[in-house]
Protein backbone atom coordinates (compact mmCIF):
# COMPACT_ATOMS: atom_id res chain seq x y z
CA MET A 1 9.42 -36.93 0.96
CA SER A 2 6.42 -37.24 3.30
CA ASP A 3 2.95 -37.39 1.81
CA ALA A 4 0.51 -34.77 3.10
CA LYS A 5 -1.60 -36.33 5.84
CA LYS A 6 -4.57 -34.81 7.62
CA THR A 7 -4.23 -34.82 11.40
CA THR A 8 -6.06 -33.17 14.28
CA ASN A 9 -3.09 -30.84 14.90
CA PRO A 10 -3.35 -27.60 12.85
CA PHE A 11 0.41 -27.02 12.89
CA ASP A 12 1.19 -30.57 11.76
CA ASN A 13 -1.36 -30.14 8.98
CA TYR A 14 0.35 -26.94 7.91
CA VAL A 15 3.76 -28.64 7.83
CA ASN A 16 2.35 -31.38 5.61
CA GLN A 17 0.78 -28.74 3.36
CA ARG A 18 4.12 -26.96 2.95
CA LEU A 19 5.81 -30.24 2.03
CA ALA A 20 3.09 -30.92 -0.53
CA TYR A 21 3.58 -27.39 -1.89
CA TYR A 22 7.32 -28.04 -2.15
CA GLN A 23 6.62 -31.15 -4.22
CA GLU A 24 4.26 -29.09 -6.39
CA LEU A 25 7.00 -26.53 -7.00
CA GLN A 26 9.44 -29.27 -7.97
CA ASP A 27 6.92 -30.61 -10.48
CA LYS A 28 6.43 -27.11 -11.91
CA MET A 29 10.17 -26.69 -12.29
CA VAL A 30 10.47 -29.97 -14.19
CA LYS A 31 7.60 -28.99 -16.49
CA GLY A 32 8.76 -25.40 -16.88
CA ASP A 33 5.39 -24.19 -15.61
CA THR A 34 5.83 -20.67 -14.25
CA THR A 35 2.12 -19.92 -13.75
CA GLY A 36 1.75 -17.58 -10.76
CA PHE A 37 5.43 -16.62 -10.76
CA LYS A 38 7.55 -13.99 -12.49
CA GLY A 39 9.26 -16.40 -14.86
CA MET A 40 11.65 -19.21 -14.00
CA GLY A 41 13.62 -16.89 -11.74
CA GLY A 42 10.60 -16.31 -9.50
CA LEU A 43 9.78 -20.02 -9.39
CA ALA A 44 13.38 -20.97 -8.62
CA LYS A 45 13.54 -18.39 -5.83
CA GLU A 46 10.37 -19.72 -4.19
CA LEU A 47 11.61 -23.29 -4.49
CA SER A 48 15.02 -22.43 -3.08
CA SER A 49 13.51 -20.56 -0.13
CA LEU A 50 11.29 -23.49 0.84
CA ALA A 51 14.02 -26.08 0.25
CA LYS A 52 16.02 -24.64 3.14
CA ILE A 53 13.23 -25.59 5.56
CA VAL A 54 12.33 -29.02 4.13
CA PRO A 55 14.89 -31.02 6.21
CA ASP A 56 13.57 -29.49 9.45
CA MET A 57 9.94 -30.13 8.45
CA GLU A 58 10.70 -33.77 7.68
CA LYS A 59 12.68 -34.18 10.90
CA TYR A 60 9.80 -32.73 12.91
CA LEU A 61 7.21 -35.04 11.33
CA ARG A 62 9.46 -38.07 11.89
CA MET A 63 9.74 -37.17 15.56
CA VAL A 64 5.96 -36.72 15.86
CA LYS A 65 5.46 -40.13 14.23
CA SER A 66 8.03 -41.77 16.50
CA LEU A 67 6.27 -40.46 19.62
CA GLN A 68 2.92 -41.65 18.28
CA ASP A 69 4.41 -45.10 17.69
CA CYS A 70 5.80 -45.13 21.25
CA ASP A 71 2.36 -44.29 22.67
CA GLU A 72 0.73 -47.01 20.60
CA MET A 73 3.29 -49.57 21.74
CA LEU A 74 2.92 -48.61 25.41
CA ALA A 75 -0.87 -48.85 25.12
CA ASP A 76 -0.55 -52.45 23.88
CA LYS A 77 -1.23 -54.70 26.87
CA THR A 78 0.45 -57.64 25.14
CA LEU A 79 3.79 -55.84 24.67
CA ASP A 80 6.68 -57.67 26.40
CA GLN A 81 8.80 -55.93 29.02
CA GLU A 82 11.88 -55.57 26.81
CA MET A 83 9.99 -53.76 24.04
CA ARG A 84 8.11 -51.70 26.62
CA ALA A 85 11.43 -50.56 28.08
CA VAL A 86 12.71 -49.61 24.61
CA ALA A 87 9.53 -47.62 23.85
CA THR A 88 9.67 -45.90 27.25
CA GLN A 89 13.30 -44.88 26.81
CA GLU A 90 12.68 -43.51 23.31
CA LYS A 91 9.67 -41.52 24.50
CA GLU A 92 11.65 -40.07 27.40
CA GLU A 93 14.39 -38.95 24.97
CA LEU A 94 12.07 -37.47 22.33
CA THR A 95 9.47 -35.79 24.55
CA PRO A 96 11.68 -32.83 25.63
CA GLN A 97 13.15 -32.50 22.12
CA LEU A 98 9.84 -32.11 20.28
CA PRO A 99 8.71 -28.70 21.64
CA VAL A 100 12.18 -27.26 21.02
CA LEU A 101 12.21 -28.49 17.43
CA ARG A 102 8.63 -27.36 16.91
CA HIS A 103 9.34 -23.82 18.12
CA GLU A 104 12.37 -23.53 15.82
CA LEU A 105 10.24 -24.76 12.93
CA GLU A 106 7.39 -22.38 13.79
CA LEU A 107 9.80 -19.45 13.50
CA GLU A 108 11.05 -20.73 10.14
CA LEU A 109 7.52 -21.18 8.78
CA ILE A 110 6.08 -17.81 9.78
CA PRO A 111 5.04 -16.09 6.54
CA SER A 112 7.56 -13.36 5.80
CA ASP A 113 6.60 -9.73 5.43
CA GLU A 114 5.24 -9.30 1.93
CA ASP A 115 8.14 -7.08 0.88
CA ASP A 116 10.91 -9.33 2.20
CA ASN A 117 11.28 -10.93 -1.22
CA ILE A 118 12.43 -7.59 -2.65
CA ASP A 119 16.16 -7.93 -3.20
CA SER A 120 16.82 -4.30 -4.07
CA LEU A 121 16.70 -1.35 -1.70
CA ILE A 122 17.86 2.22 -1.35
CA VAL A 123 19.57 3.32 1.84
CA GLU A 124 19.45 7.03 2.62
CA VAL A 125 21.65 8.52 5.34
CA ARG A 126 21.24 12.10 6.55
CA ALA A 127 23.25 14.05 9.10
CA GLY A 128 21.13 14.95 12.12
CA THR A 129 21.97 17.03 15.16
CA GLY A 130 25.63 17.69 15.81
CA GLY A 131 26.91 19.78 12.91
CA LEU A 132 30.11 18.55 11.26
CA GLU A 133 30.39 15.58 13.62
CA ALA A 134 26.92 14.42 12.61
CA ALA A 135 27.96 14.59 8.96
CA LEU A 136 31.11 12.59 9.66
CA PHE A 137 29.05 9.96 11.46
CA ALA A 138 26.60 9.82 8.55
CA GLY A 139 29.57 9.08 6.29
CA ASP A 140 30.72 6.36 8.68
CA LEU A 141 27.29 4.72 8.60
CA LEU A 142 27.11 4.69 4.81
CA ALA A 143 30.60 3.19 4.71
CA MET A 144 29.49 0.55 7.24
CA TYR A 145 26.61 -0.44 4.98
CA ARG A 146 28.93 -0.60 1.97
CA ARG A 147 31.24 -2.99 3.80
CA TYR A 148 28.29 -5.03 5.05
CA ALA A 149 26.98 -5.31 1.48
CA GLU A 150 30.39 -6.46 0.27
CA LYS A 151 30.54 -9.05 3.06
CA ASN A 152 27.22 -10.49 1.89
CA GLY A 153 28.14 -10.42 -1.79
CA TRP A 154 25.55 -7.73 -2.54
CA ARG A 155 25.98 -5.02 -5.14
CA PHE A 156 26.46 -1.53 -3.65
CA GLU A 157 25.97 1.45 -5.95
CA THR A 158 26.18 5.09 -4.87
CA ILE A 159 23.22 7.13 -6.11
CA ASP A 160 23.80 10.59 -4.69
CA ILE A 161 26.28 12.15 -2.26
CA SER A 162 26.32 15.63 -0.72
CA GLU A 163 29.57 16.09 1.24
CA ASN A 164 30.89 18.73 3.60
CA ASP A 165 34.44 20.11 3.83
CA LEU A 166 35.65 17.32 6.16
CA GLY A 167 34.44 14.51 3.95
CA GLY A 168 31.30 13.79 5.94
CA LEU A 169 27.84 13.54 4.46
CA ALA A 170 25.05 16.03 4.61
CA THR A 171 23.05 13.39 2.74
CA GLY A 172 23.97 10.19 0.96
CA SER A 173 22.02 7.49 -0.82
CA ALA A 174 22.99 4.18 -2.35
CA SER A 175 21.37 1.17 -3.95
CA ILE A 176 21.96 -2.29 -2.48
CA LYS A 177 21.02 -5.38 -4.47
CA GLY A 178 21.32 -9.00 -3.43
CA GLU A 179 19.41 -11.98 -2.10
CA GLY A 180 17.80 -11.18 1.26
CA ALA A 181 19.04 -7.58 1.22
CA PHE A 182 15.84 -5.82 2.24
CA GLU A 183 14.83 -8.56 4.69
CA ARG A 184 17.99 -7.87 6.70
CA MET A 185 18.54 -4.18 6.09
CA LYS A 186 14.98 -3.10 6.97
CA PHE A 187 15.95 -3.05 10.65
CA GLU A 188 18.40 -0.18 10.09
CA GLY A 189 15.78 2.53 9.54
CA GLY A 190 15.64 5.15 12.29
CA VAL A 191 17.82 7.55 14.27
CA HIS A 192 21.37 6.39 15.03
CA ARG A 193 23.19 8.18 17.86
CA VAL A 194 26.96 8.45 18.26
CA GLN A 195 28.91 9.40 21.37
CA ARG A 196 32.57 10.19 20.75
CA VAL A 197 35.21 12.92 20.77
CA PRO A 198 34.88 14.81 17.47
CA VAL A 199 37.96 15.58 15.39
CA THR A 200 37.05 19.26 15.84
CA GLU A 201 37.09 18.98 19.67
CA ASN A 202 40.31 20.27 21.26
CA ALA A 203 39.37 19.67 24.91
CA GLY A 204 38.74 15.94 24.49
CA ARG A 205 35.07 16.12 25.47
CA VAL A 206 32.63 13.48 24.30
CA HIS A 207 29.86 14.87 22.09
CA THR A 208 26.55 13.31 21.12
CA SER A 209 25.41 13.52 17.52
CA THR A 210 22.85 11.76 15.37
CA ALA A 211 22.24 10.60 11.84
CA THR A 212 19.02 9.36 10.29
CA VAL A 213 18.81 6.22 8.16
CA ALA A 214 15.94 5.34 5.85
CA ILE A 215 15.67 1.94 4.18
CA LEU A 216 13.46 2.04 1.08
CA PRO A 217 12.58 -1.13 -0.81
CA GLU A 218 13.21 -0.41 -4.47
CA PRO A 219 10.25 -1.58 -6.53
CA GLU A 220 10.20 -2.55 -10.16
CA GLU A 221 8.95 0.23 -12.40
CA VAL A 222 5.69 -1.64 -13.07
CA GLU A 223 4.83 -1.54 -9.35
CA ILE A 224 4.76 2.26 -9.20
CA THR A 225 2.96 4.22 -11.88
CA ILE A 226 4.00 7.87 -12.11
CA SER A 227 2.27 10.21 -14.53
CA PRO A 228 4.58 12.76 -16.18
CA GLU A 229 1.89 15.40 -15.58
CA ASP A 230 2.35 14.91 -11.83
CA LEU A 231 6.04 15.86 -11.93
CA ARG A 232 7.86 19.17 -11.70
CA VAL A 233 11.48 18.92 -12.80
CA ASP A 234 13.97 21.62 -11.85
CA THR A 235 17.62 21.73 -12.90
CA TYR A 236 20.51 23.56 -11.26
CA ARG A 237 24.28 23.47 -11.07
CA SER A 238 25.86 20.64 -9.09
CA GLN A 239 27.86 21.73 -6.07
CA GLY A 240 30.52 19.94 -4.08
CA ALA A 241 32.12 20.47 -0.70
CA GLY A 242 32.67 24.10 0.18
CA GLY A 243 30.18 25.29 -2.42
CA GLN A 244 32.53 24.75 -5.37
CA HIS A 245 30.80 23.95 -8.63
CA VAL A 246 31.35 20.42 -9.84
CA ASN A 247 30.60 21.61 -13.35
CA THR A 248 29.36 24.70 -15.10
CA THR A 249 26.18 23.24 -16.57
CA ASP A 250 22.77 22.71 -15.00
CA SER A 251 23.26 18.97 -14.57
CA ALA A 252 21.74 18.55 -11.09
CA VAL A 253 18.07 17.55 -11.05
CA ARG A 254 15.30 18.02 -8.49
CA ILE A 255 11.99 16.23 -9.12
CA THR A 256 8.83 17.00 -7.15
CA HIS A 257 5.84 14.66 -7.19
CA LEU A 258 3.04 17.22 -7.03
CA PRO A 259 0.19 15.05 -5.64
CA SER A 260 2.23 13.87 -2.65
CA GLY A 261 4.72 16.70 -2.29
CA VAL A 262 7.61 14.21 -2.24
CA ALA A 263 10.78 15.78 -3.64
CA VAL A 264 14.08 14.16 -4.56
CA ALA A 265 17.34 15.49 -5.96
CA CYS A 266 20.46 14.07 -7.53
CA GLN A 267 23.69 15.81 -8.52
CA THR A 268 26.36 13.09 -8.45
CA GLU A 269 26.54 12.46 -12.19
CA LYS A 270 27.89 14.99 -14.70
CA SER A 271 25.05 14.17 -17.05
CA GLN A 272 21.64 15.71 -16.44
CA HIS A 273 20.08 12.65 -18.08
CA LYS A 274 21.81 10.28 -15.62
CA ASN A 275 20.93 12.46 -12.63
CA ARG A 276 17.30 12.47 -13.71
CA ALA A 277 17.27 8.67 -14.01
CA GLN A 278 18.76 8.32 -10.52
CA ALA A 279 16.31 10.85 -9.10
CA MET A 280 13.42 8.87 -10.58
CA ARG A 281 14.72 5.75 -8.83
CA LEU A 282 14.66 7.62 -5.54
CA LEU A 283 11.19 8.99 -6.23
CA ARG A 284 9.72 5.56 -7.04
CA ALA A 285 11.27 4.12 -3.89
CA ARG A 286 9.90 6.91 -1.68
CA LEU A 287 6.41 6.67 -3.14
CA PHE A 288 6.47 2.90 -2.76
CA GLU A 289 7.61 3.28 0.85
CA HIS A 290 4.79 5.74 1.54
CA GLN A 291 2.23 3.20 0.32
CA ARG A 292 3.94 0.45 2.29
CA GLU A 293 4.04 2.54 5.46
CA GLU A 294 0.29 3.17 5.31
CA LYS A 295 -0.38 -0.56 4.95
CA MET A 296 1.97 -1.42 7.82
CA LYS A 297 0.32 1.06 10.16
CA LYS A 298 -2.99 -0.70 9.65
CA ARG A 299 -1.56 -4.21 9.74
CA THR A 300 1.10 -4.02 12.44
CA ALA A 301 0.07 -1.25 14.81
CA ALA A 302 0.68 -3.51 17.81
CA ARG A 303 4.17 -4.62 16.83
CA ARG A 304 6.90 -3.19 18.99
CA LEU A 305 9.70 -3.14 16.45
CA MET A 306 7.74 -1.55 13.58
CA VAL A 307 10.73 -2.46 11.42
CA GLY A 308 10.93 -0.87 8.03
CA SER A 309 7.97 1.37 8.74
CA GLY A 310 9.69 4.69 8.09
CA GLU A 311 9.39 5.78 11.73
CA ARG A 312 12.41 8.07 11.62
CA ALA A 313 11.93 10.04 14.83
CA GLU A 314 12.71 7.20 17.20
CA LYS A 315 16.29 6.61 18.36
CA ILE A 316 17.06 2.99 17.61
CA ARG A 317 20.77 2.59 18.34
CA THR A 318 23.70 4.22 20.14
CA TYR A 319 27.37 3.88 19.17
CA ASN A 320 29.54 4.77 22.17
CA PHE A 321 33.17 5.01 21.01
CA PRO A 322 34.88 5.59 24.40
CA GLU A 323 33.35 2.35 25.71
CA GLY A 324 33.51 0.46 22.41
CA ARG A 325 29.80 -0.23 22.86
CA VAL A 326 26.83 -0.51 20.53
CA SER A 327 23.33 -0.61 22.05
CA ASP A 328 20.13 -1.32 20.15
CA HIS A 329 17.35 0.23 22.20
CA ARG A 330 14.48 -1.68 20.59
CA ILE A 331 15.54 -5.00 22.06
CA LYS A 332 17.84 -3.75 24.85
CA LEU A 333 20.85 -5.38 23.19
CA THR A 334 24.38 -4.23 24.11
CA LEU A 335 27.53 -5.46 22.38
CA TYR A 336 31.11 -4.44 23.08
CA LYS A 337 32.37 -4.85 19.54
CA LEU A 338 31.89 -1.40 18.07
CA ASN A 339 34.87 -1.54 15.70
CA GLU A 340 33.77 -4.85 14.19
CA ILE A 341 30.23 -3.55 13.73
CA MET A 342 31.41 -0.32 12.07
CA GLN A 343 33.53 -2.46 9.74
CA GLY A 344 30.38 -4.37 8.78
CA SER A 345 31.83 -7.73 9.83
CA ALA A 346 29.75 -7.97 13.03
CA LEU A 347 26.61 -6.08 12.00
CA ASP A 348 24.81 -9.43 11.80
CA ASP A 349 25.32 -9.74 15.57
CA VAL A 350 22.85 -6.86 15.88
CA ILE A 351 20.57 -7.79 13.00
CA GLU A 352 20.08 -11.47 13.88
CA PRO A 353 18.53 -10.76 17.33
CA LEU A 354 16.25 -8.18 15.68
CA ILE A 355 15.10 -10.77 13.14
CA LYS A 356 14.44 -13.28 15.92
CA THR A 357 12.52 -10.75 18.03
CA ASP A 358 10.42 -9.70 15.07
CA LYS A 359 9.55 -13.33 14.31
CA GLU A 360 8.64 -14.01 17.93
CA GLU A 361 6.26 -11.06 17.82
CA ARG A 362 4.58 -12.41 14.70
CA LEU A 363 4.44 -16.01 15.93
CA SER A 364 1.34 -15.65 18.12
CA SER A 365 -0.69 -14.22 15.25
CA PHE A 366 0.54 -16.98 12.94
CA LEU A 367 -0.46 -19.79 15.33
CA THR A 368 -3.85 -18.20 16.04
CA GLN A 369 -4.52 -18.05 12.32
CA LEU A 370 -3.72 -21.77 11.98
CA GLU A 371 -6.10 -22.63 14.80
CA THR A 372 -8.98 -20.79 13.15
CA GLN A 373 -8.50 -22.23 9.67
């Protein structure tokens, strides 16, 4: 492990500081000191996250040191020709490698969005324009996220489903829990457009429909305080596809947060108590997202992606079934692997470029901050 050393390069100083911090975390773990963290789990998570970058930080500093040694050797007038040739060759090999390694490390070290460490989220899918076809597409999207969650070893739990006669969704919400879940899923929020021949189309014409996706980080209860006096709770009978009653009791629950006007409903469970608990989860997530959105508007107004900001009006992606094409309009990405993406197995091929673009957009601000420290 490298000792922290003060240099004239702000970025090199920062790398040394992160290595020193990593050593500090290791010491805390040995001592069982969880000061500043939410128990041993929070400390272990911070340590694990930084440990992934340590090899690259150490490699970068070794390369910097090697180039400095080469310069010192070449500046020595007494150096013999054989050693000078060795130093020259090493410098020629390392010089083009250093900026590449540095840029990769810069992207790894950019401070993450403050909510990226939330490993629980709620995904809400709503049918948009397009009638029954839009509802079918909404169901396809929720199924895609379920398969993607399973691929990543995340827990997927349905919260509330409102279906139509063909099995599509008018609305659907689910909880996803797992390491890195929100950090990756936050890019899915927005309007998704589908172009395909609907099952209800007899003439074989391609129709365009939409569905809206919202990604809500799910906070712990202590992060959102809700006063019972601010709530209006209404109960009604749950209904399924075609308007048939799921049961004959008023088990469905609608909760309205009076100060904000935010309303949520849940009817999936047969128990009113369970539906109320699920509705409260949705309400906390929506109120948390509202607070988060206001902060992001102030902090990231210039960012092009505005990922996870709740901007639901903008079309972010098109799924063209006749061409087998998926296009993400935010980064002008087109992939001809629609089936694999809908199965969840290739969704990372869309998400990874979005993560990289988002980091590139934040990099300039990060480096400027280092220069002014």
